[in-house]
C-alpha atoms as a PDB file:
ATOM      1  CA  MET A   1       8.348-101.164 -91.350  1.00  0.00           C
ATOM      2  CA  ASN A   2      11.410-102.582 -92.926  1.00  0.00           C
ATOM      3  CA  SER A   3      12.899 -99.177 -93.552  1.00  0.00           C
ATOM      4  CA  GLU A   4      12.270 -98.209 -89.926  1.00  0.00           C
ATOM      5  CA  ASN A   5      13.941-101.392 -88.720  1.00  0.00           C
ATOM      6  CA  ARG A   6      16.799-100.745 -91.059  1.00  0.00           C
ATOM      7  CA  LYS A   7      17.217 -97.184 -89.718  1.00  0.00           C
ATOM      8  CA  GLU A   8      17.048 -98.442 -86.170  1.00  0.00           C
ATOM      9  CA  GLY A   9      19.563-101.172 -86.969  1.00  0.00           C
ATOM     10  CA  GLU A  10      21.883 -98.681 -88.614  1.00  0.00           C
ATOM     11  CA  GLN A  11      21.573 -96.375 -85.593  1.00  0.00           C
ATOM     12  CA  ASN A  12      22.362 -99.250 -83.205  1.00  0.00           C
ATOM     13  CA  PHE A  13      25.304-100.265 -85.361  1.00  0.00           C
ATOM     14  CA  SER A  14      26.564 -96.680 -85.406  1.00  0.00           C
ATOM     15  CA  GLU A  15      26.311 -96.441 -81.584  1.00  0.00           C
ATOM     16  CA  LYS A  16      28.148 -99.745 -81.213  1.00  0.00           C
ATOM     17  CA  GLU A  17      30.872 -98.519 -83.561  1.00  0.00           C
ATOM     18  CA  GLN A  18      31.180 -95.300 -81.560  1.00  0.00           C
ATOM     19  CA  ALA A  19      31.346 -97.276 -78.277  1.00  0.00           C
ATOM     20  CA  LYS A  20      33.945 -99.640 -79.760  1.00  0.00           C
ATOM     21  CA  SER A  21      35.956 -96.692 -81.038  1.00  0.00           C
ATOM     22  CA  ALA A  22      35.826 -95.006 -77.600  1.00  0.00           C
ATOM     23  CA  THR A  23      36.879 -98.279 -75.941  1.00  0.00           C
ATOM     24  CA  ASP A  24      39.736 -98.754 -78.384  1.00  0.00           C
ATOM     25  CA  GLU A  25      40.840 -95.166 -77.746  1.00  0.00           C
ATOM     26  CA  GLY A  26      40.728 -95.738 -73.962  1.00  0.00           C
ATOM     27  CA  CYS A  27      42.714 -98.977 -74.335  1.00  0.00           C
ATOM     28  CA  ASP A  28      45.320 -97.193 -76.432  1.00  0.00           C
ATOM     29  CA  LYS A  29      45.708 -94.518 -73.760  1.00  0.00           C
ATOM     30  CA  LEU A  30      46.020 -97.178 -71.027  1.00  0.00           C
ATOM     31  CA  ARG A  31      48.629 -99.039 -73.094  1.00  0.00           C
ATOM     32  CA  GLU A  32      50.599 -95.807 -73.502  1.00  0.00           C
ATOM     33  CA  LYS A  33      50.407 -95.132 -69.742  1.00  0.00           C
ATOM     34  CA  LEU A  34      51.430 -98.724 -68.981  1.00  0.00           C
ATOM     35  CA  ALA A  35      54.378 -98.519 -71.391  1.00  0.00           C
ATOM     36  CA  LYS A  36      55.446 -95.217 -69.787  1.00  0.00           C
ATOM     37  CA  LEU A  37      55.135 -96.695 -66.263  1.00  0.00           C
ATOM     38  CA  GLU A  38      57.133 -99.770 -67.277  1.00  0.00           C
ATOM     39  CA  GLU A  39      59.832 -97.512 -68.712  1.00  0.00           C
ATOM     40  CA  GLU A  40      59.918 -95.422 -65.492  1.00  0.00           C
ATOM     41  CA  ASN A  41      59.997 -98.622 -63.410  1.00  0.00           C
ATOM     42  CA  ALA A  42      62.956 -99.927 -65.429  1.00  0.00           C
ATOM     43  CA  GLU A  43      64.783 -96.598 -64.914  1.00  0.00           C
ATOM     44  CA  LEU A  44      64.104 -96.712 -61.150  1.00  0.00           C
ATOM     45  CA  LYS A  45      65.348-100.321 -60.944  1.00  0.00           C
ATOM     46  CA  ASP A  46      68.492 -99.317 -62.804  1.00  0.00           C
ATOM     47  CA  LYS A  47      69.060 -96.337 -60.467  1.00  0.00           C
ATOM     48  CA  ASN A  48      68.448 -98.550 -57.448  1.00  0.00           C
ATOM     49  CA  LEU A  49      70.946-101.156 -58.657  1.00  0.00           C
ATOM     50  CA  ARG A  50      73.546 -98.422 -59.260  1.00  0.00           C
ATOM     51  CA  LEU A  51      72.950 -96.972 -55.774  1.00  0.00           C
ATOM     52  CA  VAL A  52      73.311-100.425 -54.175  1.00  0.00           C
ATOM     53  CA  ALA A  53      76.556-101.008 -56.112  1.00  0.00           C
ATOM     54  CA  GLU A  54      77.887 -97.547 -55.143  1.00  0.00           C
ATOM     55  CA  PHE A  55      77.030 -98.136 -51.468  1.00  0.00           C
ATOM     56  CA  GLU A  56      78.727-101.550 -51.532  1.00  0.00           C
ATOM     57  CA  ASN A  57      81.864 -99.997 -53.069  1.00  0.00           C
ATOM     58  CA  PHE A  58      81.779 -97.199 -50.464  1.00  0.00           C
ATOM     59  CA  ARG A  59      81.420 -99.751 -47.638  1.00  0.00           C
ATOM     60  CA  LYS A  60      84.373-101.791 -48.960  1.00  0.00           C
ATOM     61  CA  ARG A  61      86.517 -98.637 -49.286  1.00  0.00           C
ATOM     62  CA  GLN A  62      85.656 -97.607 -45.714  1.00  0.00           C
ATOM     63  CA  GLU A  63      86.477-101.092 -44.387  1.00  0.00           C
ATOM     64  CA  LYS A  64      89.821-101.004 -46.213  1.00  0.00           C
ATOM     65  CA  ILE A  65      90.657 -97.515 -44.868  1.00  0.00           C
ATOM     66  CA  PHE A  66      89.670 -98.588 -41.332  1.00  0.00           C
ATOM     67  CA  ALA A  67      91.783-101.771 -41.571  1.00  0.00           C
ATOM     68  CA  GLU A  68      94.777 -99.734 -42.806  1.00  0.00           C
ATOM     69  CA  LEU A  69      94.382 -97.185 -39.983  1.00  0.00           C
ATOM     70  CA  LEU A  70      94.105 -99.989 -37.434  1.00  0.00           C
ATOM     71  CA  ALA A  71      97.233-101.704 -38.810  1.00  0.00           C
ATOM     72  CA  GLN A  72      99.118 -98.389 -38.790  1.00  0.00           C
ATOM     73  CA  GLU A  73      98.070 -97.668 -35.190  1.00  0.00           C
ATOM     74  CA  ARG A  74      99.078-101.200 -34.172  1.00  0.00           C
ATOM     75  CA  ASP A  75     102.481-100.735 -35.853  1.00  0.00           C
ATOM     76  CA  ASN A  76     102.975 -97.412 -34.020  1.00  0.00           C
ATOM     77  CA  ILE A  77     102.265 -99.042 -30.651  1.00  0.00           C
ATOM     78  CA  ILE A  78     104.466-102.057 -31.445  1.00  0.00           C
ATOM     79  CA  SER A  79     107.378 -99.788 -32.461  1.00  0.00           C
ATOM     80  CA  LYS A  80     107.100 -97.982 -29.106  1.00  0.00           C
ATOM     81  CA  LEU A  81     106.945-101.316 -27.256  1.00  0.00           C
ATOM     82  CA  LEU A  82     109.987-102.586 -29.167  1.00  0.00           C
ATOM     83  CA  SER A  83     111.918 -99.488 -28.081  1.00  0.00           C
ATOM     84  CA  ILE A  84     110.996-100.241 -24.451  1.00  0.00           C
ATOM     85  CA  ALA A  85     111.896-103.929 -24.936  1.00  0.00           C
ATOM     86  CA  ASP A  86     115.358-102.838 -26.155  1.00  0.00           C
ATOM     87  CA  ASP A  87     115.769-100.685 -23.014  1.00  0.00           C
ATOM     88  CA  VAL A  88     114.818-103.682 -20.828  1.00  0.00           C
ATOM     89  CA  SER A  89     117.374-105.874 -22.648  1.00  0.00           C
ATOM     90  CA  ARG A  90     120.098-103.245 -22.086  1.00  0.00           C
ATOM     91  CA  ALA A  91     119.182-102.977 -18.389  1.00  0.00           C
ATOM     92  CA  LEU A  92     119.342-106.776 -17.994  1.00  0.00           C
ATOM     93  CA  LYS A  93     122.702-106.898 -19.768  1.00  0.00           C
ATOM     94  CA  ALA A  94     124.051-104.130 -17.525  1.00  0.00           C
ATOM     95  CA  ALA A  95     122.838-106.008 -14.414  1.00  0.00           C
ATOM     96  CA  GLN A  96     124.458-109.262 -15.632  1.00  0.00           C
ATOM     97  CA  GLU A  97     127.731-107.469 -16.335  1.00  0.00           C
ATOM     98  CA  GLY A  98     127.824-106.145 -12.763  1.00  0.00           C
ATOM     99  CA  ALA A  99     126.803-102.523 -13.281  1.00  0.00           C
ATOM    100  CA  LYS A 100     126.382-100.382 -10.179  1.00  0.00           C
ATOM    101  CA  PRO A 101     122.945-100.720  -8.524  1.00  0.00           C
ATOM    102  CA  ASP A 102     122.348 -96.954  -8.898  1.00  0.00           C
ATOM    103  CA  THR A 103     122.908 -97.217 -12.661  1.00  0.00           C
ATOM    104  CA  ILE A 104     120.463-100.129 -12.910  1.00  0.00           C
ATOM    105  CA  VAL A 105     117.844 -98.235 -10.842  1.00  0.00           C
ATOM    106  CA  GLU A 106     118.216 -95.206 -13.129  1.00  0.00           C
ATOM    107  CA  GLY A 107     117.769 -97.419 -16.195  1.00  0.00           C
ATOM    108  CA  VAL A 108     114.618 -98.993 -14.737  1.00  0.00           C
ATOM    109  CA  LYS A 109     113.241 -95.504 -13.941  1.00  0.00           C
ATOM    110  CA  ILE A 110     113.784 -94.456 -17.565  1.00  0.00           C
ATOM    111  CA  ILE A 111     111.935 -97.585 -18.735  1.00  0.00           C
ATOM    112  CA  ALA A 112     109.056 -96.917 -16.281  1.00  0.00           C
ATOM    113  CA  ASN A 113     108.774 -93.321 -17.542  1.00  0.00           C
ATOM    114  CA  LYS A 114     108.646 -94.519 -21.173  1.00  0.00           C
ATOM    115  CA  ILE A 115     105.886 -96.991 -20.310  1.00  0.00           C
ATOM    116  CA  ASN A 116     103.882 -94.285 -18.489  1.00  0.00           C
ATOM    117  CA  GLU A 117     104.290 -91.935 -21.468  1.00  0.00           C
ATOM    118  CA  LEU A 118     103.052 -94.649 -23.826  1.00  0.00           C
ATOM    119  CA  LEU A 119     100.010 -95.249 -21.603  1.00  0.00           C
ATOM    120  CA  LYS A 120      99.208 -91.510 -21.599  1.00  0.00           C
ATOM    121  CA  LEU A 121      99.546 -91.306 -25.384  1.00  0.00           C
ATOM    122  CA  GLU A 122      97.084 -94.188 -25.725  1.00  0.00           C
ATOM    123  CA  GLY A 123      94.628 -92.510 -23.334  1.00  0.00           C
ATOM    124  CA  ILE A 124      95.065 -95.218 -20.698  1.00  0.00           C
ATOM    125  CA  GLU A 125      94.542 -94.192 -17.090  1.00  0.00           C
ATOM    126  CA  VAL A 126      96.280 -96.040 -14.264  1.00  0.00           C
ATOM    127  CA  ILE A 127      93.951 -97.017 -11.378  1.00  0.00           C
ATOM    128  CA  GLU A 128      95.302 -97.245  -7.814  1.00  0.00           C
ATOM    129  CA  PRO A 129      92.201 -96.997  -5.603  1.00  0.00           C
ATOM    130  CA  ASP A 130      93.910 -96.941  -2.173  1.00  0.00           C
ATOM    131  CA  GLY A 131      91.531 -95.483   0.436  1.00  0.00           C
ATOM    132  CA  MET A 132      88.520 -95.584  -1.885  1.00  0.00           C
ATOM    133  CA  PRO A 133      85.321 -97.543  -1.115  1.00  0.00           C
ATOM    134  CA  PHE A 134      85.518-101.076  -2.512  1.00  0.00           C
ATOM    135  CA  ASP A 135      83.472-101.509  -5.718  1.00  0.00           C
ATOM    136  CA  PRO A 136      83.159-105.135  -6.892  1.00  0.00           C
ATOM    137  CA  LEU A 137      82.387-103.914 -10.431  1.00  0.00           C
ATOM    138  CA  GLU A 138      85.632-101.899 -10.570  1.00  0.00           C
ATOM    139  CA  HIS A 139      88.002-103.727  -8.200  1.00  0.00           C
ATOM    140  CA  ASP A 140      89.201-107.327  -7.844  1.00  0.00           C
ATOM    141  CA  ALA A 141      89.489-108.222  -4.121  1.00  0.00           C
ATOM    142  CA  VAL A 142      92.367-110.661  -3.596  1.00  0.00           C
ATOM    143  CA  ALA A 143      92.318-110.508   0.217  1.00  0.00           C
ATOM    144  CA  VAL A 144      90.314-109.173   3.150  1.00  0.00           C
ATOM    145  CA  GLU A 145      91.990-107.865   6.303  1.00  0.00           C
ATOM    146  CA  PRO A 146      90.429-106.918   9.641  1.00  0.00           C
ATOM    147  CA  VAL A 147      90.611-103.212  10.551  1.00  0.00           C
ATOM    148  CA  ASP A 148      90.222-101.383  13.873  1.00  0.00           C
ATOM    149  CA  SER A 149      88.196 -98.453  12.520  1.00  0.00           C
ATOM    150  CA  PRO A 150      84.655 -98.555  11.080  1.00  0.00           C
ATOM    151  CA  GLU A 151      85.743 -95.839   8.607  1.00  0.00           C
ATOM    152  CA  LEU A 152      87.990 -98.424   6.906  1.00  0.00           C
ATOM    153  CA  HIS A 153      85.206-100.997   6.572  1.00  0.00           C
ATOM    154  CA  HIS A 154      84.876-102.027   2.883  1.00  0.00           C
ATOM    155  CA  LYS A 155      87.616 -99.579   1.896  1.00  0.00           C
ATOM    156  CA  VAL A 156      90.622-100.473  -0.269  1.00  0.00           C
ATOM    157  CA  LEU A 157      93.570-100.775   2.135  1.00  0.00           C
ATOM    158  CA  ARG A 158      96.170-101.179  -0.600  1.00  0.00           C
ATOM    159  CA  THR A 159      96.539-101.976  -4.272  1.00  0.00           C
ATOM    160  CA  VAL A 160      98.401-105.220  -4.972  1.00  0.00           C
ATOM    161  CA  GLN A 161      98.348-104.718  -8.747  1.00  0.00           C
ATOM    162  CA  ARG A 162      97.390-101.542 -10.582  1.00  0.00           C
ATOM    163  CA  GLY A 163      94.348-101.445 -12.852  1.00  0.00           C
ATOM    164  CA  TYR A 164      93.898 -99.678 -16.190  1.00  0.00           C
ATOM    165  CA  ARG A 165      91.024 -97.989 -17.998  1.00  0.00           C
ATOM    166  CA  ARG A 166      90.552 -96.200 -21.306  1.00  0.00           C
ATOM    167  CA  GLY A 167      87.785 -93.621 -21.078  1.00  0.00           C
ATOM    168  CA  GLU A 168      84.780 -95.328 -19.509  1.00  0.00           C
ATOM    169  CA  ARG A 169      86.022 -98.845 -20.369  1.00  0.00           C
ATOM    170  CA  LEU A 170      87.816-100.886 -17.717  1.00  0.00           C
ATOM    171  CA  ILE A 171      90.698-102.798 -19.309  1.00  0.00           C
ATOM    172  CA  ILE A 172      92.178-104.480 -16.206  1.00  0.00           C
ATOM    173  CA  ALA A 173      90.593-104.292 -12.760  1.00  0.00           C
ATOM    174  CA  PRO A 174      93.037-103.407  -9.974  1.00  0.00           C
ATOM    175  CA  LYS A 175      93.762-106.243  -7.517  1.00  0.00           C
ATOM    176  CA  VAL A 176      93.160-104.914  -4.018  1.00  0.00           C
ATOM    177  CA  VAL A 177      93.118-105.776  -0.312  1.00  0.00           C
ATOM    178  CA  VAL A 178      89.838-104.763   1.354  1.00  0.00           C
ATOM    179  CA  GLY A 179      89.305-103.830   5.010  1.00  0.00           C
ATOM    180  CA  THR A 180      86.569-105.393   7.104  1.00  0.00           C
ATOM    181  CA  TYR A 181      85.500-104.037  10.497  1.00  0.00           C
ATOM    182  CA  LYS A 182      83.751-106.041  13.169  1.00  0.00           C
ATOM    183  CA  SER A 183      82.351-104.310  16.250  1.00  0.00           C
ATOM    184  CA  GLU A 184      83.086-105.804  19.692  1.00  0.00           C
ATOM    185  CA  ASN A 185      79.571-107.292  19.798  1.00  0.00           C
ATOM    186  CA  GLU A 186      80.068-109.005  16.433  1.00  0.00           C
ATOM    187  CA  SER A 187      83.538-110.226  17.517  1.00  0.00           C
ATOM    188  CA  ASP A 188      82.102-111.620  20.811  1.00  0.00           C
ATOM    189  CA  LYS A 189      79.263-113.332  18.930  1.00  0.00           C
ATOM    190  CA  GLN A 190      81.739-114.793  16.421  1.00  0.00           C
ATOM    191  CA  SER A 191      84.001-116.152  19.168  1.00  0.00           C
ATOM    192  CA  LYS A 192      80.967-117.660  21.010  1.00  0.00           C
ATOM    193  CA  ASP A 193      79.828-119.303  17.763  1.00  0.00           C
ATOM    194  CA  ASN A 194      83.349-120.657  17.276  1.00  0.00           C
ATOM    195  CA  ASP A 195      83.351-122.016  20.871  1.00  0.00           C
ATOM    196  CA  LYS A 196      79.962-123.725  20.346  1.00  0.00           C
ATOM    197  CA  ASN A 197      81.188-125.295  17.094  1.00  0.00           C
ATOM    198  CA  ALA A 198      84.320-126.528  18.887  1.00  0.00           C
ATOM    199  CA  GLU A 199      82.229-128.087  21.702  1.00  0.00           C
ATOM    200  CA  LYS A 200      79.970-129.903  19.195  1.00  0.00           C
ATOM    201  CA  SER A 201      82.936-131.483  17.442  1.00  0.00           C
END
């Protein structure tokens, strides 16, 4: 009986040893996988950090280039404006020194042409909406005048001050005078209302 128990005990011990050995082997493999994954993770983190740093450097370079281009464009415009300012000073000096009116007019025309050329170069369009339908989103009404024709109702009669746009963007809305038409019936009703108001007071 004892020898049978011993054999059985030895067999159980052997199975336990085999199970322990298999478990140890599995653990070793998992440790290797974990170590490999940790190494890959560290590499990915490093790559990610380098990419973030590269992107940040790229962004800073682009901002610097954009700022330099903007400053250069601003300097170009200012140099053109300074040239026009010099022309205006010369025209004023000529007027103060008693130059002939025709000479002064010619000088002013030259200045106006330079300004118009500068506007064209900058892609700025002059807006003078005379005769166009009044648009409160595009035009600034400074006055309203009665008109005799219904065709002129809510139309721009004249531009008091020109407007300017660049592409789709309105820079300065033109200041305009808008026509308003009242039919005879509306005019009669208005005058009756005015009479009634006068009687009440």
